Amino acid sequence: MGDRVGEMIDEMTGKPQITLRPVLATVRPEWVDHYGHMNMGFYAVVFDIATDHQWSGLNLGASLHDQGLGTFAIENWLAYVREVREGMPLAFESEALVFDDKRLICLHRMYHATEGWLAAENEVLYLCVDLEKRRAGAWPAETLQQFQRLCTGAAPKRLALKRPRA
């Protein structure tokens, strides 16, 4: 360990590494395509892992499921900023942006966990779903209260809670 919080010494170079965010995943060999970088499909996989980590803080995990409700991703936008390659440690930040009575838009950012640069962004529109009826449902009151506390109100880059009328 180095002298600063979050600082570790790289065993190969002997240089300090600053972990800006916790490592959530490391790019696996099977995620890498013939170009030598992470295949586009696996970006969705690791962003989904990041979503799972965000859900408990938004009352969208087991407590929502226990009420017969769930979240379905109904629209997804992904921006590749910088390539990631095999063995790179990945860290994420997730931000709940805006919501209404049955929808939520979140923005996830993927970073190189030790170097700190932005690798990709993923904006997702989620829908509250009644799991028995398999139809849209309303968020429970306690979930809406949590959204009210935690959503930043920042404007989504690509998605909207409701589609514009033609």
N, C-alpha and C. Protein backbone atom coordinates (compact mmCIF):
# COMPACT_ATOMS: atom_id res chain seq x y z
N MET A 1 0.84 -1.19 0.00
CA MET A 1 0.00 0.00 0.00
C MET A 1 0.87 1.24 0.00
N GLY A 2 0.42 2.27 -0.65
CA GLY A 2 1.12 3.55 -0.65
C GLY A 2 0.71 4.38 0.55
N ASP A 3 1.10 5.66 0.55
CA ASP A 3 0.83 6.55 1.66
C ASP A 3 -0.56 7.16 1.64
N ARG A 4 -1.22 7.22 0.49
CA ARG A 4 -2.52 7.87 0.39
C ARG A 4 -3.64 6.83 0.35
N VAL A 5 -4.82 7.23 0.80
CA VAL A 5 -5.98 6.35 0.74
C VAL A 5 -6.22 5.96 -0.70
N GLY A 6 -6.44 4.68 -0.94
CA GLY A 6 -6.71 4.21 -2.28
C GLY A 6 -5.47 4.01 -3.13
N GLU A 7 -4.29 4.25 -2.57
CA GLU A 7 -3.07 4.10 -3.34
C GLU A 7 -2.48 2.72 -3.11
N MET A 8 -2.13 2.05 -4.21
CA MET A 8 -1.46 0.75 -4.14
C MET A 8 -0.24 0.82 -5.03
N ILE A 9 0.71 -0.04 -4.77
CA ILE A 9 1.92 -0.10 -5.58
C ILE A 9 1.73 -1.19 -6.63
N ASP A 10 1.93 -0.84 -7.91
CA ASP A 10 1.85 -1.79 -9.00
C ASP A 10 3.05 -2.72 -8.88
N GLU A 11 2.78 -4.02 -8.78
CA GLU A 11 3.85 -5.00 -8.58
C GLU A 11 4.81 -5.07 -9.76
N MET A 12 4.32 -4.80 -10.96
CA MET A 12 5.17 -4.91 -12.15
C MET A 12 6.05 -3.67 -12.34
N THR A 13 5.49 -2.48 -12.09
CA THR A 13 6.25 -1.25 -12.35
C THR A 13 6.85 -0.63 -11.10
N GLY A 14 6.31 -1.00 -9.93
CA GLY A 14 6.77 -0.40 -8.68
C GLY A 14 6.24 1.00 -8.47
N LYS A 15 5.37 1.48 -9.37
CA LYS A 15 4.83 2.83 -9.28
C LYS A 15 3.49 2.81 -8.54
N PRO A 16 3.18 3.91 -7.85
CA PRO A 16 1.88 3.96 -7.17
C PRO A 16 0.74 4.03 -8.18
N GLN A 17 -0.35 3.37 -7.83
CA GLN A 17 -1.57 3.44 -8.62
C GLN A 17 -2.66 3.99 -7.70
N ILE A 18 -3.42 4.93 -8.19
CA ILE A 18 -4.52 5.50 -7.42
C ILE A 18 -5.81 4.88 -7.95
N THR A 19 -6.52 4.20 -7.09
CA THR A 19 -7.82 3.66 -7.46
C THR A 19 -8.85 4.73 -7.16
N LEU A 20 -9.41 5.30 -8.22
CA LEU A 20 -10.37 6.38 -8.07
C LEU A 20 -11.74 5.86 -7.65
N ARG A 21 -12.09 4.69 -8.11
CA ARG A 21 -13.38 4.08 -7.83
C ARG A 21 -13.13 2.60 -7.62
N PRO A 22 -14.00 1.92 -6.89
CA PRO A 22 -13.78 0.48 -6.69
C PRO A 22 -13.88 -0.29 -8.01
N VAL A 23 -13.06 -1.30 -8.15
CA VAL A 23 -13.08 -2.15 -9.35
C VAL A 23 -14.32 -3.03 -9.26
N LEU A 24 -15.15 -2.99 -10.30
CA LEU A 24 -16.36 -3.79 -10.35
C LEU A 24 -16.19 -5.00 -11.27
N ALA A 25 -15.34 -4.86 -12.27
CA ALA A 25 -15.09 -5.95 -13.22
C ALA A 25 -13.73 -5.74 -13.85
N THR A 26 -13.17 -6.82 -14.36
CA THR A 26 -11.93 -6.77 -15.13
C THR A 26 -12.24 -7.40 -16.49
N VAL A 27 -11.76 -6.78 -17.55
CA VAL A 27 -12.05 -7.26 -18.90
C VAL A 27 -11.48 -8.67 -19.05
N ARG A 28 -12.37 -9.62 -19.29
CA ARG A 28 -12.01 -11.03 -19.40
C ARG A 28 -11.59 -11.37 -20.84
N PRO A 29 -10.75 -12.40 -21.00
CA PRO A 29 -10.33 -12.79 -22.36
C PRO A 29 -11.50 -13.09 -23.29
N GLU A 30 -12.55 -13.72 -22.76
CA GLU A 30 -13.69 -14.08 -23.61
C GLU A 30 -14.54 -12.88 -24.01
N TRP A 31 -14.29 -11.72 -23.42
CA TRP A 31 -15.01 -10.49 -23.77
C TRP A 31 -14.30 -9.74 -24.91
N VAL A 32 -13.12 -10.17 -25.28
CA VAL A 32 -12.29 -9.45 -26.25
C VAL A 32 -12.51 -10.02 -27.65
N ASP A 33 -12.67 -9.12 -28.62
CA ASP A 33 -12.91 -9.55 -30.00
C ASP A 33 -11.60 -9.60 -30.80
N HIS A 34 -11.74 -9.84 -32.09
CA HIS A 34 -10.55 -9.99 -32.94
C HIS A 34 -9.81 -8.67 -33.18
N TYR A 35 -10.35 -7.56 -32.70
CA TYR A 35 -9.64 -6.28 -32.77
C TYR A 35 -8.80 -6.02 -31.52
N GLY A 36 -8.91 -6.91 -30.55
CA GLY A 36 -8.11 -6.78 -29.34
C GLY A 36 -8.73 -5.90 -28.26
N HIS A 37 -9.99 -5.51 -28.45
CA HIS A 37 -10.65 -4.72 -27.41
C HIS A 37 -11.98 -5.39 -27.03
N MET A 38 -12.59 -4.89 -25.96
CA MET A 38 -13.82 -5.50 -25.48
C MET A 38 -14.91 -5.38 -26.54
N ASN A 39 -15.55 -6.50 -26.84
CA ASN A 39 -16.62 -6.56 -27.81
C ASN A 39 -17.82 -5.75 -27.32
N MET A 40 -18.51 -5.10 -28.26
CA MET A 40 -19.59 -4.19 -27.90
C MET A 40 -20.68 -4.85 -27.06
N GLY A 41 -20.97 -6.12 -27.26
CA GLY A 41 -22.00 -6.79 -26.49
C GLY A 41 -21.67 -6.87 -25.01
N PHE A 42 -20.40 -6.97 -24.68
CA PHE A 42 -20.01 -7.10 -23.28
C PHE A 42 -20.06 -5.77 -22.54
N TYR A 43 -20.09 -4.66 -23.26
CA TYR A 43 -20.34 -3.38 -22.60
C TYR A 43 -21.70 -3.41 -21.92
N ALA A 44 -22.69 -3.97 -22.61
CA ALA A 44 -24.03 -4.08 -22.02
C ALA A 44 -24.00 -4.98 -20.78
N VAL A 45 -23.23 -6.05 -20.83
CA VAL A 45 -23.12 -6.96 -19.69
C VAL A 45 -22.55 -6.23 -18.47
N VAL A 46 -21.44 -5.53 -18.64
CA VAL A 46 -20.83 -4.89 -17.47
C VAL A 46 -21.64 -3.68 -17.00
N PHE A 47 -22.32 -2.99 -17.90
CA PHE A 47 -23.20 -1.91 -17.45
C PHE A 47 -24.39 -2.49 -16.67
N ASP A 48 -24.85 -3.67 -17.03
CA ASP A 48 -25.92 -4.32 -16.29
C ASP A 48 -25.45 -4.71 -14.89
N ILE A 49 -24.21 -5.14 -14.77
CA ILE A 49 -23.63 -5.43 -13.45
C ILE A 49 -23.62 -4.16 -12.61
N ALA A 50 -23.24 -3.04 -13.22
CA ALA A 50 -23.24 -1.76 -12.51
C ALA A 50 -24.65 -1.39 -12.06
N THR A 51 -25.63 -1.67 -12.91
CA THR A 51 -27.03 -1.40 -12.56
C THR A 51 -27.42 -2.18 -11.31
N ASP A 52 -27.06 -3.45 -11.25
CA ASP A 52 -27.39 -4.27 -10.09
C ASP A 52 -26.86 -3.66 -8.80
N HIS A 53 -25.69 -3.04 -8.86
CA HIS A 53 -25.12 -2.40 -7.68
C HIS A 53 -25.86 -1.13 -7.30
N GLN A 54 -26.46 -0.48 -8.26
CA GLN A 54 -27.20 0.77 -8.01
C GLN A 54 -28.59 0.49 -7.44
N TRP A 55 -29.18 -0.64 -7.79
CA TRP A 55 -30.59 -0.88 -7.48
C TRP A 55 -30.96 -0.85 -6.01
N SER A 56 -30.16 -1.42 -5.14
CA SER A 56 -30.55 -1.46 -3.72
C SER A 56 -30.70 -0.05 -3.15
N GLY A 57 -29.85 0.86 -3.55
CA GLY A 57 -29.95 2.23 -3.06
C GLY A 57 -31.16 2.98 -3.56
N LEU A 58 -31.78 2.47 -4.63
CA LEU A 58 -32.97 3.11 -5.20
C LEU A 58 -34.26 2.36 -4.86
N ASN A 59 -34.19 1.38 -3.95
CA ASN A 59 -35.34 0.53 -3.61
C ASN A 59 -35.83 -0.26 -4.82
N LEU A 60 -34.93 -0.71 -5.67
CA LEU A 60 -35.32 -1.45 -6.86
C LEU A 60 -34.84 -2.90 -6.86
N GLY A 61 -34.31 -3.34 -5.77
CA GLY A 61 -33.82 -4.70 -5.69
C GLY A 61 -34.88 -5.66 -5.17
N ALA A 62 -34.50 -6.43 -4.16
CA ALA A 62 -35.37 -7.48 -3.62
C ALA A 62 -36.68 -6.91 -3.08
N SER A 63 -36.64 -5.74 -2.46
CA SER A 63 -37.87 -5.17 -1.88
C SER A 63 -38.92 -4.89 -2.96
N LEU A 64 -38.49 -4.46 -4.13
CA LEU A 64 -39.42 -4.23 -5.24
C LEU A 64 -39.95 -5.57 -5.76
N HIS A 65 -39.06 -6.52 -5.91
CA HIS A 65 -39.45 -7.84 -6.41
C HIS A 65 -40.44 -8.51 -5.45
N ASP A 66 -40.24 -8.32 -4.16
CA ASP A 66 -41.16 -8.90 -3.15
C ASP A 66 -42.58 -8.35 -3.30
N GLN A 67 -42.71 -7.19 -3.94
CA GLN A 67 -44.03 -6.59 -4.17
C GLN A 67 -44.61 -7.00 -5.52
N GLY A 68 -43.93 -7.94 -6.20
CA GLY A 68 -44.41 -8.42 -7.49
C GLY A 68 -44.07 -7.49 -8.64
N LEU A 69 -43.10 -6.61 -8.41
CA LEU A 69 -42.70 -5.63 -9.43
C LEU A 69 -41.25 -5.84 -9.81
N GLY A 70 -40.89 -5.35 -10.98
CA GLY A 70 -39.51 -5.41 -11.43
C GLY A 70 -39.22 -4.25 -12.36
N THR A 71 -38.00 -4.19 -12.83
CA THR A 71 -37.60 -3.15 -13.78
C THR A 71 -37.17 -3.82 -15.07
N PHE A 72 -37.67 -3.30 -16.18
CA PHE A 72 -37.25 -3.75 -17.50
C PHE A 72 -36.58 -2.57 -18.19
N ALA A 73 -35.44 -2.81 -18.79
CA ALA A 73 -34.80 -1.79 -19.63
C ALA A 73 -35.55 -1.78 -20.95
N ILE A 74 -36.10 -0.62 -21.33
CA ILE A 74 -36.88 -0.56 -22.56
C ILE A 74 -36.20 0.25 -23.66
N GLU A 75 -35.17 1.00 -23.29
CA GLU A 75 -34.39 1.72 -24.29
C GLU A 75 -32.99 1.93 -23.72
N ASN A 76 -32.01 1.89 -24.61
CA ASN A 76 -30.62 1.88 -24.18
C ASN A 76 -29.78 2.65 -25.19
N TRP A 77 -28.92 3.51 -24.70
CA TRP A 77 -28.00 4.26 -25.54
C TRP A 77 -26.61 4.09 -24.98
N LEU A 78 -25.64 3.79 -25.85
CA LEU A 78 -24.28 3.51 -25.41
C LEU A 78 -23.30 4.34 -26.23
N ALA A 79 -22.38 5.01 -25.56
CA ALA A 79 -21.34 5.78 -26.24
C ALA A 79 -19.98 5.22 -25.84
N TYR A 80 -19.21 4.84 -26.85
CA TYR A 80 -17.86 4.33 -26.63
C TYR A 80 -16.91 5.53 -26.70
N VAL A 81 -16.22 5.78 -25.61
CA VAL A 81 -15.34 6.95 -25.54
C VAL A 81 -13.89 6.55 -25.79
N ARG A 82 -13.45 5.47 -25.19
CA ARG A 82 -12.07 5.01 -25.32
C ARG A 82 -12.06 3.50 -25.16
N GLU A 83 -11.27 2.81 -25.98
CA GLU A 83 -11.32 1.35 -25.94
C GLU A 83 -10.75 0.79 -24.64
N VAL A 84 -11.31 -0.35 -24.24
CA VAL A 84 -10.77 -1.10 -23.11
C VAL A 84 -10.33 -2.46 -23.64
N ARG A 85 -9.26 -2.96 -23.03
CA ARG A 85 -8.62 -4.18 -23.51
C ARG A 85 -8.55 -5.21 -22.39
N GLU A 86 -8.21 -6.42 -22.77
CA GLU A 86 -8.13 -7.53 -21.82
C GLU A 86 -7.30 -7.16 -20.59
N GLY A 87 -7.83 -7.52 -19.42
CA GLY A 87 -7.13 -7.31 -18.16
C GLY A 87 -7.34 -5.95 -17.53
N MET A 88 -7.93 -5.01 -18.25
CA MET A 88 -8.12 -3.68 -17.67
C MET A 88 -9.20 -3.72 -16.59
N PRO A 89 -8.92 -3.07 -15.45
CA PRO A 89 -9.90 -3.01 -14.37
C PRO A 89 -10.93 -1.91 -14.67
N LEU A 90 -12.19 -2.23 -14.44
CA LEU A 90 -13.27 -1.29 -14.75
C LEU A 90 -14.00 -0.88 -13.49
N ALA A 91 -14.32 0.39 -13.43
CA ALA A 91 -15.10 0.95 -12.32
C ALA A 91 -16.25 1.74 -12.91
N PHE A 92 -17.27 1.97 -12.11
CA PHE A 92 -18.49 2.59 -12.63
C PHE A 92 -19.03 3.63 -11.67
N GLU A 93 -19.68 4.62 -12.24
CA GLU A 93 -20.50 5.56 -11.49
C GLU A 93 -21.88 5.50 -12.12
N SER A 94 -22.90 5.50 -11.29
CA SER A 94 -24.27 5.47 -11.77
C SER A 94 -25.02 6.65 -11.18
N GLU A 95 -25.83 7.27 -12.02
CA GLU A 95 -26.59 8.45 -11.62
C GLU A 95 -28.04 8.29 -12.07
N ALA A 96 -28.95 8.38 -11.13
CA ALA A 96 -30.37 8.39 -11.47
C ALA A 96 -30.70 9.83 -11.88
N LEU A 97 -31.18 10.01 -13.10
CA LEU A 97 -31.39 11.35 -13.63
C LEU A 97 -32.80 11.87 -13.38
N VAL A 98 -33.79 11.26 -14.02
CA VAL A 98 -35.17 11.73 -13.95
C VAL A 98 -36.11 10.53 -13.86
N PHE A 99 -37.34 10.80 -13.41
CA PHE A 99 -38.33 9.73 -13.25
C PHE A 99 -39.73 10.29 -13.38
N ASP A 100 -40.67 9.38 -13.59
CA ASP A 100 -42.09 9.71 -13.46
C ASP A 100 -42.74 8.54 -12.72
N ASP A 101 -44.05 8.40 -12.80
CA ASP A 101 -44.75 7.39 -12.00
C ASP A 101 -44.44 5.95 -12.39
N LYS A 102 -43.87 5.71 -13.58
CA LYS A 102 -43.55 4.34 -13.97
C LYS A 102 -42.23 4.19 -14.73
N ARG A 103 -41.49 5.27 -14.93
CA ARG A 103 -40.23 5.22 -15.68
C ARG A 103 -39.10 5.88 -14.89
N LEU A 104 -37.88 5.49 -15.24
CA LEU A 104 -36.66 6.03 -14.62
C LEU A 104 -35.57 6.04 -15.68
N ILE A 105 -34.82 7.12 -15.76
CA ILE A 105 -33.65 7.18 -16.64
C ILE A 105 -32.40 7.29 -15.78
N CYS A 106 -31.44 6.39 -16.06
CA CYS A 106 -30.16 6.40 -15.35
C CYS A 106 -29.02 6.55 -16.36
N LEU A 107 -27.94 7.12 -15.89
CA LEU A 107 -26.71 7.25 -16.67
C LEU A 107 -25.61 6.52 -15.92
N HIS A 108 -24.97 5.58 -16.61
CA HIS A 108 -23.83 4.84 -16.05
C HIS A 108 -22.59 5.28 -16.81
N ARG A 109 -21.50 5.45 -16.08
CA ARG A 109 -20.21 5.78 -16.69
C ARG A 109 -19.21 4.70 -16.32
N MET A 110 -18.46 4.24 -17.33
CA MET A 110 -17.42 3.23 -17.14
C MET A 110 -16.07 3.93 -17.19
N TYR A 111 -15.22 3.62 -16.22
CA TYR A 111 -13.89 4.21 -16.13
C TYR A 111 -12.83 3.11 -16.05
N HIS A 112 -11.62 3.45 -16.49
CA HIS A 112 -10.47 2.60 -16.16
C HIS A 112 -10.25 2.83 -14.67
N ALA A 113 -10.31 1.76 -13.89
CA ALA A 113 -10.36 1.90 -12.43
C ALA A 113 -9.11 2.50 -11.81
N THR A 114 -7.95 2.29 -12.40
CA THR A 114 -6.74 2.81 -11.79
C THR A 114 -6.20 4.07 -12.46
N GLU A 115 -6.48 4.23 -13.76
CA GLU A 115 -6.00 5.42 -14.46
C GLU A 115 -7.03 6.54 -14.48
N GLY A 116 -8.30 6.19 -14.28
CA GLY A 116 -9.33 7.20 -14.10
C GLY A 116 -10.01 7.74 -15.34
N TRP A 117 -9.61 7.32 -16.54
CA TRP A 117 -10.22 7.91 -17.73
C TRP A 117 -11.57 7.26 -18.05
N LEU A 118 -12.43 8.07 -18.66
CA LEU A 118 -13.76 7.61 -19.06
C LEU A 118 -13.65 6.71 -20.28
N ALA A 119 -14.26 5.52 -20.20
CA ALA A 119 -14.22 4.56 -21.31
C ALA A 119 -15.53 4.54 -22.08
N ALA A 120 -16.67 4.67 -21.38
CA ALA A 120 -17.97 4.59 -22.06
C ALA A 120 -19.05 5.15 -21.16
N GLU A 121 -20.17 5.49 -21.79
CA GLU A 121 -21.37 5.94 -21.07
C GLU A 121 -22.56 5.13 -21.56
N ASN A 122 -23.48 4.88 -20.65
CA ASN A 122 -24.68 4.10 -20.97
C ASN A 122 -25.87 4.78 -20.31
N GLU A 123 -26.80 5.23 -21.14
CA GLU A 123 -28.02 5.84 -20.64
C GLU A 123 -29.15 4.85 -20.88
N VAL A 124 -29.95 4.59 -19.84
CA VAL A 124 -30.98 3.56 -19.94
C VAL A 124 -32.31 4.08 -19.41
N LEU A 125 -33.38 3.76 -20.15
CA LEU A 125 -34.74 4.04 -19.72
C LEU A 125 -35.32 2.74 -19.18
N TYR A 126 -35.69 2.76 -17.89
CA TYR A 126 -36.26 1.60 -17.22
C TYR A 126 -37.75 1.82 -17.01
N LEU A 127 -38.49 0.72 -17.04
CA LEU A 127 -39.92 0.74 -16.83
C LEU A 127 -40.25 -0.15 -15.64
N CYS A 128 -41.13 0.34 -14.76
CA CYS A 128 -41.65 -0.48 -13.67
C CYS A 128 -42.65 -1.46 -14.28
N VAL A 129 -42.50 -2.75 -13.97
CA VAL A 129 -43.35 -3.77 -14.56
C VAL A 129 -43.99 -4.62 -13.47
N ASP A 130 -45.30 -4.84 -13.60
CA ASP A 130 -46.02 -5.79 -12.77
C ASP A 130 -45.65 -7.16 -13.32
N LEU A 131 -44.93 -7.95 -12.53
CA LEU A 131 -44.38 -9.20 -13.03
C LEU A 131 -45.42 -10.28 -13.28
N GLU A 132 -46.57 -10.19 -12.62
CA GLU A 132 -47.63 -11.17 -12.87
C GLU A 132 -48.38 -10.83 -14.17
N LYS A 133 -48.72 -9.56 -14.34
CA LYS A 133 -49.47 -9.14 -15.53
C LYS A 133 -48.57 -8.94 -16.75
N ARG A 134 -47.25 -8.76 -16.48
CA ARG A 134 -46.27 -8.48 -17.53
C ARG A 134 -46.62 -7.20 -18.28
N ARG A 135 -47.08 -6.21 -17.52
CA ARG A 135 -47.47 -4.91 -18.06
C ARG A 135 -46.84 -3.83 -17.19
N ALA A 136 -46.78 -2.63 -17.73
CA ALA A 136 -46.25 -1.50 -16.96
C ALA A 136 -47.07 -1.30 -15.70
N GLY A 137 -46.39 -0.96 -14.63
CA GLY A 137 -47.04 -0.68 -13.34
C GLY A 137 -46.47 0.60 -12.77
N ALA A 138 -47.03 1.02 -11.66
CA ALA A 138 -46.56 2.24 -10.99
C ALA A 138 -45.52 1.90 -9.93
N TRP A 139 -44.55 2.79 -9.78
CA TRP A 139 -43.56 2.63 -8.71
C TRP A 139 -44.28 2.73 -7.37
N PRO A 140 -43.88 1.93 -6.38
CA PRO A 140 -44.44 2.07 -5.03
C PRO A 140 -44.06 3.43 -4.44
N ALA A 141 -44.85 3.89 -3.48
CA ALA A 141 -44.64 5.21 -2.87
C ALA A 141 -43.23 5.35 -2.28
N GLU A 142 -42.73 4.31 -1.61
CA GLU A 142 -41.40 4.41 -0.99
C GLU A 142 -40.30 4.51 -2.05
N THR A 143 -40.51 3.88 -3.21
CA THR A 143 -39.54 3.99 -4.29
C THR A 143 -39.56 5.40 -4.88
N LEU A 144 -40.75 5.95 -5.07
CA LEU A 144 -40.85 7.33 -5.56
C LEU A 144 -40.19 8.31 -4.60
N GLN A 145 -40.34 8.07 -3.31
CA GLN A 145 -39.69 8.94 -2.32
C GLN A 145 -38.17 8.84 -2.43
N GLN A 146 -37.68 7.64 -2.64
CA GLN A 146 -36.23 7.45 -2.81
C GLN A 146 -35.74 8.13 -4.08
N PHE A 147 -36.52 8.01 -5.17
CA PHE A 147 -36.17 8.71 -6.41
C PHE A 147 -36.11 10.21 -6.17
N GLN A 148 -37.09 10.74 -5.45
CA GLN A 148 -37.15 12.17 -5.17
C GLN A 148 -35.88 12.64 -4.46
N ARG A 149 -35.38 11.82 -3.55
CA ARG A 149 -34.16 12.16 -2.80
C ARG A 149 -32.90 12.02 -3.65
N LEU A 150 -32.86 11.00 -4.52
CA LEU A 150 -31.59 10.65 -5.17
C LEU A 150 -31.46 11.06 -6.63
N CYS A 151 -32.55 11.29 -7.32
CA CYS A 151 -32.43 11.68 -8.73
C CYS A 151 -31.87 13.09 -8.82
N THR A 152 -30.93 13.28 -9.72
CA THR A 152 -30.24 14.57 -9.82
C THR A 152 -31.03 15.61 -10.60
N GLY A 153 -31.94 15.16 -11.45
CA GLY A 153 -32.68 16.09 -12.30
C GLY A 153 -31.90 16.52 -13.53
N ALA A 154 -30.69 15.99 -13.69
CA ALA A 154 -29.88 16.34 -14.87
C ALA A 154 -30.57 15.83 -16.12
N ALA A 155 -30.45 16.58 -17.19
CA ALA A 155 -31.10 16.21 -18.46
C ALA A 155 -30.41 15.01 -19.08
N PRO A 156 -31.18 14.01 -19.48
CA PRO A 156 -30.58 12.89 -20.23
C PRO A 156 -30.00 13.41 -21.55
N LYS A 157 -28.96 12.73 -22.02
CA LYS A 157 -28.32 13.14 -23.28
C LYS A 157 -29.11 12.69 -24.50
N ARG A 158 -29.70 11.50 -24.46
CA ARG A 158 -30.33 10.93 -25.64
C ARG A 158 -31.78 10.47 -25.42
N LEU A 159 -32.13 10.09 -24.21
CA LEU A 159 -33.42 9.46 -23.95
C LEU A 159 -34.40 10.45 -23.31
N ALA A 160 -35.67 10.08 -23.32
CA ALA A 160 -36.72 10.89 -22.70
C ALA A 160 -37.69 9.97 -22.00
N LEU A 161 -38.32 10.47 -20.93
CA LEU A 161 -39.30 9.67 -20.22
C LEU A 161 -40.48 9.31 -21.13
N LYS A 162 -40.87 10.23 -21.96
CA LYS A 162 -41.98 9.98 -22.88
C LYS A 162 -41.54 10.37 -24.28
N ARG A 163 -41.99 9.61 -25.24
CA ARG A 163 -41.64 9.90 -26.63
C ARG A 163 -42.44 11.11 -27.12
N PRO A 164 -41.81 11.96 -27.89
CA PRO A 164 -42.55 13.10 -28.45
C PRO A 164 -43.65 12.62 -29.39
N ARG A 165 -44.74 13.30 -29.37
CA ARG A 165 -45.85 12.94 -30.27
C ARG A 165 -45.53 13.38 -31.68
N ALA A 166 -45.92 12.57 -32.62
CA ALA A 166 -45.63 12.87 -34.04
C ALA A 166 -46.51 13.97 -34.57
